[in-house]
Structure formats: C-alpha cells, structure tokens
C-alpha atoms as a PDB file:
ATOM      1  CA  UNK A   1      -1.584  16.805   8.525  1.00  0.00           C
ATOM      2  CA  UNK A   2      -1.231  17.847   4.902  1.00  0.00           C
ATOM      3  CA  UNK A   3      -1.233  15.037   2.372  1.00  0.00           C
ATOM      4  CA  UNK A   4       2.310  14.021   1.403  1.00  0.00           C
ATOM      5  CA  UNK A   5       2.878  12.672  -2.098  1.00  0.00           C
ATOM      6  CA  UNK A   6       6.178  11.054  -2.974  1.00  0.00           C
ATOM      7  CA  UNK A   7       7.862   9.239  -5.839  1.00  0.00           C
ATOM      8  CA  UNK A   8      11.008   7.197  -6.173  1.00  0.00           C
ATOM      9  CA  UNK A   9      12.708   4.977  -8.735  1.00  0.00           C
ATOM     10  CA  UNK A  10      15.460   2.626  -7.541  1.00  0.00           C
ATOM     11  CA  UNK A  11      17.475   0.077  -9.488  1.00  0.00           C
ATOM     12  CA  UNK A  12      17.777  -0.922 -13.098  1.00  0.00           C
ATOM     13  CA  UNK A  13      16.626  -3.690 -15.389  1.00  0.00           C
ATOM     14  CA  UNK A  14      13.492  -5.688 -14.705  1.00  0.00           C
ATOM     15  CA  UNK A  15      14.041  -5.651 -10.947  1.00  0.00           C
ATOM     16  CA  UNK A  16      13.874  -1.853 -10.679  1.00  0.00           C
ATOM     17  CA  UNK A  17      11.237  -0.412  -8.364  1.00  0.00           C
ATOM     18  CA  UNK A  18       9.028   2.575  -9.113  1.00  0.00           C
ATOM     19  CA  UNK A  19       6.947   3.668  -6.129  1.00  0.00           C
ATOM     20  CA  UNK A  20       4.374   6.420  -5.703  1.00  0.00           C
ATOM     21  CA  UNK A  21       3.157   7.164  -2.176  1.00  0.00           C
ATOM     22  CA  UNK A  22       0.233   9.135  -0.796  1.00  0.00           C
ATOM     23  CA  UNK A  23       0.298   9.593   2.981  1.00  0.00           C
ATOM     24  CA  UNK A  24      -2.494  11.365   4.792  1.00  0.00           C
ATOM     25  CA  UNK A  25      -5.051  11.385   7.561  1.00  0.00           C
ATOM     26  CA  UNK A  26      -7.213   8.281   7.977  1.00  0.00           C
ATOM     27  CA  UNK A  27     -10.172  10.610   8.592  1.00  0.00           C
ATOM     28  CA  UNK A  28      -9.601  12.671   5.429  1.00  0.00           C
ATOM     29  CA  UNK A  29      -9.589  12.305   1.646  1.00  0.00           C
ATOM     30  CA  UNK A  30      -6.626   9.895   1.667  1.00  0.00           C
ATOM     31  CA  UNK A  31      -8.534   7.642   4.057  1.00  0.00           C
ATOM     32  CA  UNK A  32     -11.572   7.718   1.773  1.00  0.00           C
ATOM     33  CA  UNK A  33      -9.426   6.900  -1.268  1.00  0.00           C
ATOM     34  CA  UNK A  34      -7.694   4.109   0.695  1.00  0.00           C
ATOM     35  CA  UNK A  35     -10.978   2.445   1.655  1.00  0.00           C
ATOM     36  CA  UNK A  36     -12.453   2.864  -1.832  1.00  0.00           C
ATOM     37  CA  UNK A  37      -9.411   1.311  -3.511  1.00  0.00           C
ATOM     38  CA  UNK A  38      -9.457  -1.626  -1.095  1.00  0.00           C
ATOM     39  CA  UNK A  39     -13.154  -2.240  -1.727  1.00  0.00           C
ATOM     40  CA  UNK A  40     -13.016  -2.023  -5.540  1.00  0.00           C
ATOM     41  CA  UNK A  41     -10.586  -4.528  -7.038  1.00  0.00           C
ATOM     42  CA  UNK A  42     -10.393  -4.744 -10.825  1.00  0.00           C
ATOM     43  CA  UNK A  43      -9.049  -7.359 -13.204  1.00  0.00           C
ATOM     44  CA  UNK A  44      -5.315  -7.818 -12.631  1.00  0.00           C
ATOM     45  CA  UNK A  45      -5.287  -5.245  -9.817  1.00  0.00           C
ATOM     46  CA  UNK A  46      -6.325  -6.266  -6.308  1.00  0.00           C
ATOM     47  CA  UNK A  47      -5.211  -3.767  -3.674  1.00  0.00           C
ATOM     48  CA  UNK A  48      -4.403  -5.294  -0.295  1.00  0.00           C
ATOM     49  CA  UNK A  49      -3.202  -4.311   3.168  1.00  0.00           C
ATOM     50  CA  UNK A  50       0.579  -4.576   3.378  1.00  0.00           C
ATOM     51  CA  UNK A  51       1.900  -6.893   6.070  1.00  0.00           C
ATOM     52  CA  UNK A  52       5.421  -7.350   7.367  1.00  0.00           C
ATOM     53  CA  UNK A  53       4.387 -10.884   8.349  1.00  0.00           C
ATOM     54  CA  UNK A  54       0.997 -12.601   8.159  1.00  0.00           C
ATOM     55  CA  UNK A  55      -1.190 -10.982  10.795  1.00  0.00           C
ATOM     56  CA  UNK A  56       1.210  -8.061  11.351  1.00  0.00           C
ATOM     57  CA  UNK A  57      -0.022  -5.131   9.287  1.00  0.00           C
ATOM     58  CA  UNK A  58       2.395  -2.296   8.639  1.00  0.00           C
ATOM     59  CA  UNK A  59       1.825   0.964  10.492  1.00  0.00           C
ATOM     60  CA  UNK A  60       0.668   3.309   9.187  1.00  0.00           C
ATOM     61  CA  UNK A  61      -1.806   0.981   7.527  1.00  0.00           C
ATOM     62  CA  UNK A  62      -0.498   0.710   3.994  1.00  0.00           C
ATOM     63  CA  UNK A  63      -2.498  -0.205   0.916  1.00  0.00           C
ATOM     64  CA  UNK A  64      -0.401  -1.963  -1.735  1.00  0.00           C
ATOM     65  CA  UNK A  65      -1.709  -1.139  -5.210  1.00  0.00           C
ATOM     66  CA  UNK A  66      -0.008  -2.879  -8.113  1.00  0.00           C
ATOM     67  CA  UNK A  67       0.539  -0.632 -11.140  1.00  0.00           C
ATOM     68  CA  UNK A  68       1.348  -3.526 -13.488  1.00  0.00           C
ATOM     69  CA  UNK A  69      -1.474  -5.975 -14.145  1.00  0.00           C
ATOM     70  CA  UNK A  70      -0.541  -9.403 -12.831  1.00  0.00           C
ATOM     71  CA  UNK A  71       0.592 -11.512 -15.774  1.00  0.00           C
ATOM     72  CA  UNK A  72       1.051 -14.954 -14.294  1.00  0.00           C
ATOM     73  CA  UNK A  73       2.072 -17.034 -11.309  1.00  0.00           C
ATOM     74  CA  UNK A  74       5.685 -15.803 -11.075  1.00  0.00           C
ATOM     75  CA  UNK A  75       4.766 -12.126 -11.492  1.00  0.00           C
ATOM     76  CA  UNK A  76       2.007 -12.519  -8.895  1.00  0.00           C
ATOM     77  CA  UNK A  77       4.453 -14.212  -6.493  1.00  0.00           C
ATOM     78  CA  UNK A  78       7.057 -11.447  -6.874  1.00  0.00           C
ATOM     79  CA  UNK A  79       4.426  -8.726  -6.492  1.00  0.00           C
ATOM     80  CA  UNK A  80       2.689 -10.164  -3.418  1.00  0.00           C
ATOM     81  CA  UNK A  81       5.906 -11.559  -1.981  1.00  0.00           C
ATOM     82  CA  UNK A  82       9.183  -9.728  -2.540  1.00  0.00           C
ATOM     83  CA  UNK A  83       7.710  -6.352  -3.568  1.00  0.00           C
ATOM     84  CA  UNK A  84       5.182  -6.337  -0.724  1.00  0.00           C
ATOM     85  CA  UNK A  85       7.900  -7.290   1.769  1.00  0.00           C
ATOM     86  CA  UNK A  86      10.070  -4.480   0.396  1.00  0.00           C
ATOM     87  CA  UNK A  87       7.260  -1.953   0.747  1.00  0.00           C
ATOM     88  CA  UNK A  88       6.556  -3.176   4.297  1.00  0.00           C
ATOM     89  CA  UNK A  89      10.203  -2.841   5.331  1.00  0.00           C
ATOM     90  CA  UNK A  90      10.535   0.524   3.571  1.00  0.00           C
ATOM     91  CA  UNK A  91       7.525   1.939   5.403  1.00  0.00           C
ATOM     92  CA  UNK A  92       8.867   0.695   8.716  1.00  0.00           C
ATOM     93  CA  UNK A  93      12.305   2.120   7.883  1.00  0.00           C
ATOM     94  CA  UNK A  94      10.638   5.502   7.345  1.00  0.00           C
ATOM     95  CA  UNK A  95       8.901   5.235  10.721  1.00  0.00           C
ATOM     96  CA  UNK A  96      12.102   4.118  12.488  1.00  0.00           C
ATOM     97  CA  UNK A  97      14.038   6.985  10.872  1.00  0.00           C
ATOM     98  CA  UNK A  98      11.460   9.614  11.877  1.00  0.00           C
ATOM     99  CA  UNK A  99      10.320  10.377   8.322  1.00  0.00           C
ATOM    100  CA  UNK A 100       6.842   9.227   9.359  1.00  0.00           C
ATOM    101  CA  UNK A 101       5.957  10.229  12.925  1.00  0.00           C
ATOM    102  CA  UNK A 102       5.687   7.012  14.968  1.00  0.00           C
ATOM    103  CA  UNK A 103       3.336   8.761  17.398  1.00  0.00           C
ATOM    104  CA  UNK A 104       0.817   9.421  14.624  1.00  0.00           C
ATOM    105  CA  UNK A 105       0.839   6.156  12.671  1.00  0.00           C
ATOM    106  CA  UNK A 106      -2.625   5.135  13.849  1.00  0.00           C
ATOM    107  CA  UNK A 107      -4.056   8.441  12.560  1.00  0.00           C
ATOM    108  CA  UNK A 108      -2.552   7.963   9.089  1.00  0.00           C
ATOM    109  CA  UNK A 109      -2.998   5.743   6.062  1.00  0.00           C
ATOM    110  CA  UNK A 110      -0.632   5.216   3.180  1.00  0.00           C
ATOM    111  CA  UNK A 111      -1.296   4.258  -0.414  1.00  0.00           C
ATOM    112  CA  UNK A 112       1.711   2.726  -2.153  1.00  0.00           C
ATOM    113  CA  UNK A 113       1.392   2.335  -5.920  1.00  0.00           C
ATOM    114  CA  UNK A 114       4.026  -0.219  -6.905  1.00  0.00           C
ATOM    115  CA  UNK A 115       5.495  -1.206 -10.267  1.00  0.00           C
ATOM    116  CA  UNK A 116       6.832  -4.738 -10.613  1.00  0.00           C
ATOM    117  CA  UNK A 117       8.043  -5.524 -14.111  1.00  0.00           C
ATOM    118  CA  UNK A 118       6.539  -8.794 -15.398  1.00  0.00           C
ATOM    119  CA  UNK A 119      10.063  -9.721 -16.579  1.00  0.00           C
ATOM    120  CA  UNK A 120      11.525  -9.551 -13.053  1.00  0.00           C
ATOM    121  CA  UNK A 121      13.088 -12.768 -11.713  1.00  0.00           C
ATOM    122  CA  UNK A 122      15.443 -11.901  -8.813  1.00  0.00           C
ATOM    123  CA  UNK A 123      13.248 -11.742  -5.722  1.00  0.00           C
ATOM    124  CA  UNK A 124      15.999 -10.434  -3.413  1.00  0.00           C
ATOM    125  CA  UNK A 125      16.677  -7.524  -5.786  1.00  0.00           C
ATOM    126  CA  UNK A 126      12.939  -6.831  -6.159  1.00  0.00           C
ATOM    127  CA  UNK A 127      12.736  -6.754  -2.346  1.00  0.00           C
ATOM    128  CA  UNK A 128      15.784  -4.509  -1.861  1.00  0.00           C
ATOM    129  CA  UNK A 129      14.769  -2.033  -4.582  1.00  0.00           C
ATOM    130  CA  UNK A 130      11.182  -1.763  -3.315  1.00  0.00           C
ATOM    131  CA  UNK A 131      12.403  -1.260   0.251  1.00  0.00           C
ATOM    132  CA  UNK A 132      14.737   1.557  -0.771  1.00  0.00           C
ATOM    133  CA  UNK A 133      12.219   3.136  -3.157  1.00  0.00           C
ATOM    134  CA  UNK A 134       9.425   3.131  -0.576  1.00  0.00           C
ATOM    135  CA  UNK A 135      11.538   4.854   2.054  1.00  0.00           C
ATOM    136  CA  UNK A 136      12.828   7.343  -0.523  1.00  0.00           C
ATOM    137  CA  UNK A 137       9.311   8.122  -1.786  1.00  0.00           C
ATOM    138  CA  UNK A 138       8.094   8.765   1.761  1.00  0.00           C
ATOM    139  CA  UNK A 139      11.080  11.029   2.393  1.00  0.00           C
ATOM    140  CA  UNK A 140      10.415  12.927  -0.848  1.00  0.00           C
ATOM    141  CA  UNK A 141       6.786  13.368   0.212  1.00  0.00           C
ATOM    142  CA  UNK A 142       7.823  14.660   3.625  1.00  0.00           C
ATOM    143  CA  UNK A 143      10.372  17.100   2.178  1.00  0.00           C
ATOM    144  CA  UNK A 144       8.274  18.144  -0.805  1.00  0.00           C
ATOM    145  CA  UNK A 145      11.031  17.208  -3.209  1.00  0.00           C
ATOM    146  CA  UNK A 146      11.877  17.692  -5.924  1.00  0.00           C
ATOM    147  CA  UNK A 147      11.163  21.389  -5.837  1.00  0.00           C
ATOM    148  CA  UNK A 148       9.805  23.324  -8.773  1.00  0.00           C
ATOM    149  CA  UNK A 149      13.237  24.760  -9.615  1.00  0.00           C
ATOM    150  CA  UNK A 150      14.729  21.281  -9.943  1.00  0.00           C
ATOM    151  CA  UNK A 151      11.866  20.139 -12.177  1.00  0.00           C
ATOM    152  CA  UNK A 152      12.040  23.259 -14.335  1.00  0.00           C
ATOM    153  CA  UNK A 153      15.805  22.873 -14.761  1.00  0.00           C
ATOM    154  CA  UNK A 154      15.363  19.565 -16.614  1.00  0.00           C
ATOM    155  CA  UNK A 155      12.107  20.208 -18.457  1.00  0.00           C
ATOM    156  CA  UNK A 156      13.786  20.250 -21.882  1.00  0.00           C
ATOM    157  CA  UNK A 157      15.658  16.988 -21.316  1.00  0.00           C
ATOM    158  CA  UNK A 158      13.161  14.448 -19.938  1.00  0.00           C
ATOM    159  CA  UNK A 159      14.474  10.944 -19.236  1.00  0.00           C
ATOM    160  CA  UNK A 160      13.230   7.702 -17.755  1.00  0.00           C
ATOM    161  CA  UNK A 161      14.178   4.040 -18.164  1.00  0.00           C
ATOM    162  CA  UNK A 162      11.996   3.764 -21.266  1.00  0.00           C
ATOM    163  CA  UNK A 163      12.854   7.060 -22.978  1.00  0.00           C
ATOM    164  CA  UNK A 164      16.356   8.358 -23.662  1.00  0.00           C
ATOM    165  CA  UNK A 165      17.683   5.828 -21.190  1.00  0.00           C
ATOM    166  CA  UNK A 166      20.830   5.063 -23.185  1.00  0.00           C
END
C-alpha cells in the first residue's frame, strides 16, 4: 500500500479541528515513524494510542499526536477526551464507509496530528469537528485530493483561519 497523506479543517472558532493523517503499512516507514513517535514524548506533546473506549483501540491502530502543546487541565481534558473520541469515531467512520479497507486494518497504522485550540470550551463541538475532520482527511488521503490543479488555482490568494480569514 502506498502511504496516504490527508488534511482537513472543519468548523470555526476555537472548537475548529485541523487534522493531518498519515496512513501506511505497519511494516514500512509509517510503522517506524509511528513507533518512534510513541516512544519519544516531549514536553507538552505525549503521543498515545487512540481508543474508542478504554481497552478498545481503534483499528487501524491510530497514534494521536497533539499539535498544540497542552496548556492546562481543561485543554488537556479536551485534547485527550473530546478530540481523541472524535478522532476515534472518525477513523471508524472511514473504515465503515470503505475509505480504509476493513480487511487490511491490522496491516496498517495511522498517525493523526490533531490541533485543539487552547481556547476551546465546547467539548461536543470539539468532538463533532474532530470526527468529521478525521474522516475527511482520510478520504482526502485515499483520493489524493486536492489535486495539483486545484492548489495551483489558488496559489495567489492563500487563506486560512489566521490569515485573510475575514
């Protein structure tokens, strides 16, 4: 299987979700990166195996990597709670919908890099946005979207929630 890299941004305000995914073979470079990231936590960033419930790891095995350093108890709770639950459900949605081949999940590993804004407060919105963004990122990775033509068409007018967002 070729490595599939996806990206998605869902929502607005502090509860928006920005997800990057890297899906690939457990016995390849993605598997090596997965294991290395799990074994090398750093201050404010402790990657962990995503679970849909305690003791029920998501398939494919998914490494949750927080992109925003944890800033306190509430941010940590939203990251490890609502955002993780959203990623777990989003991965399983992608498997249920055939975006990720259910017959191959034990051969694959997934790295999900997840942004949770330290200003976020609404855990249900954090959950819903991360669920939708995870599924969308996996679908983008599978389809190879956006294509180069789409990216080139907007190269002179870049936008994101922090630049030209108004």
